[in-house]
Amino acid sequence: MKIIVYFNSMAPAGGIERVIAKHISFLDSQKHDITLITKDDGASFYPLPNSIRKESIGIDMELNMSNRVIRIFKIATSLIQTVSKLRKSLKKKNPDILYVVHPLCLLEIYLSGIQCRKVLVTEHASVSAYNKIYRIILNILYPKVGLLTVPTKEDSNIYNSLGIKNVYLPNPLPFYPNSQSSLQNKLVLNVGRFTNDKRHELLIKLWSRSKAKNLGWKLKIIGKGENNEIINNLVQKLDLEDNVIISPVTAHIEKEYLNSSLFLLTSKNEGFGLVLAESMACGVPCLAFNCPSGPKDIIDDKVNGFLIEEGEHQMFVDRLNELIENEGLRKKLGAQARMDIKKFDENKISDQLNALVLRQFS
């Protein structure tokens, strides 16, 4: 079958981009004719099969994050340009399936004249993270698509309650190394884009309240984004320059997990929470807030990590102290985490995705 994969850009080193790259490889394994269309012409951060074709429609996506009015105007202008260019490109290709991952991408495809029954939406964000505009789009268009997959049980239930048919399909585990962390390095890791949803300010403030600094532990935060200056300023304000490291994104993230002894997540919402799964695959226990929607599907509280209820900041600090002081506890949780995370093995998810595609679109 002819499949078009459409997304803004594959250049960022994010969880969504990693999953899209994996899904493309899964579909490519069945010898489908695949074309990846992006707005920009940036190279994919994650490896893609050599057999697929790549095409850019040449849309400038840089947004002014400091001015909301200018940003909204730019998005509206970009929408008009995108629809015009997509309509020309898709008319020539006439795909059997059009793969998208976001309500706005689906709207652009819909306005380009593609029949929704040809569209496969693999959702990756928590419903709670979407603003009113995106919710209107998904409420109108998601019921019309050929197939909607959702990576968390909570969001799948929410879509069902809205009368939107969907299939629960968790994200695939990107890697499962032969070795695992020794959990002896006094290093705690966080990985994520520097955006408000990730709540890095809260992470740093909770870290400052823990025993970590006095016990010689360091927190390494890997990422980039519009909150970079805010994060760095807070580290300086709290006098944490010696035990908080701000590091750029890396293509060797697996090594970072293996070098750490604990992973912290303070997001106010997560889709699947791929960073948790990656950490656990390396035998590193996770401490996270029980935010909507994904962490509860991955972490079994007190069994392979700790889930803290929203707002329980002192409990988060207490668990952090417990984990940095107790190597035996880290090893117990880490060993169980490495075993439990196998349920997201990429071969299992590949089989599920390809079976769904064949059943729905053949």
Foldseek 3Di string as FASTA:
>chain_A
DEEEEEDADQDDPDPVSLLVQLLQVLVVVVVYAYEYEHQDDDDHLDDHDPRHHYYHLPADDDADPVDPVRRVVSVVVSLVSLLVSVLVVCVVVVGLAYEYAALSVVVSVVSSPDFQQRYEYEYWWFPVPDDPVRVVSCLPRQQRHLAYEAAFPVRCVVCVVSVRDYHHFHGFQSDQDPAAAPLPALEEEEEDEPDVQQPLVLVVVLVLVACSVVVPHAYEYEYYYDCPVVNVVSCVVSVNPPRYHYHYDDSPVLVVLNHHAEYETEGQEGRQPNVCLSNLSRLHAYEYECHPDHPVVQDDDPQQHHYHHPPPSVVSRVVVNVRSVDSPSSNRNSVRSNVVSCVSHSVVSSVVVVVVCVVRRD
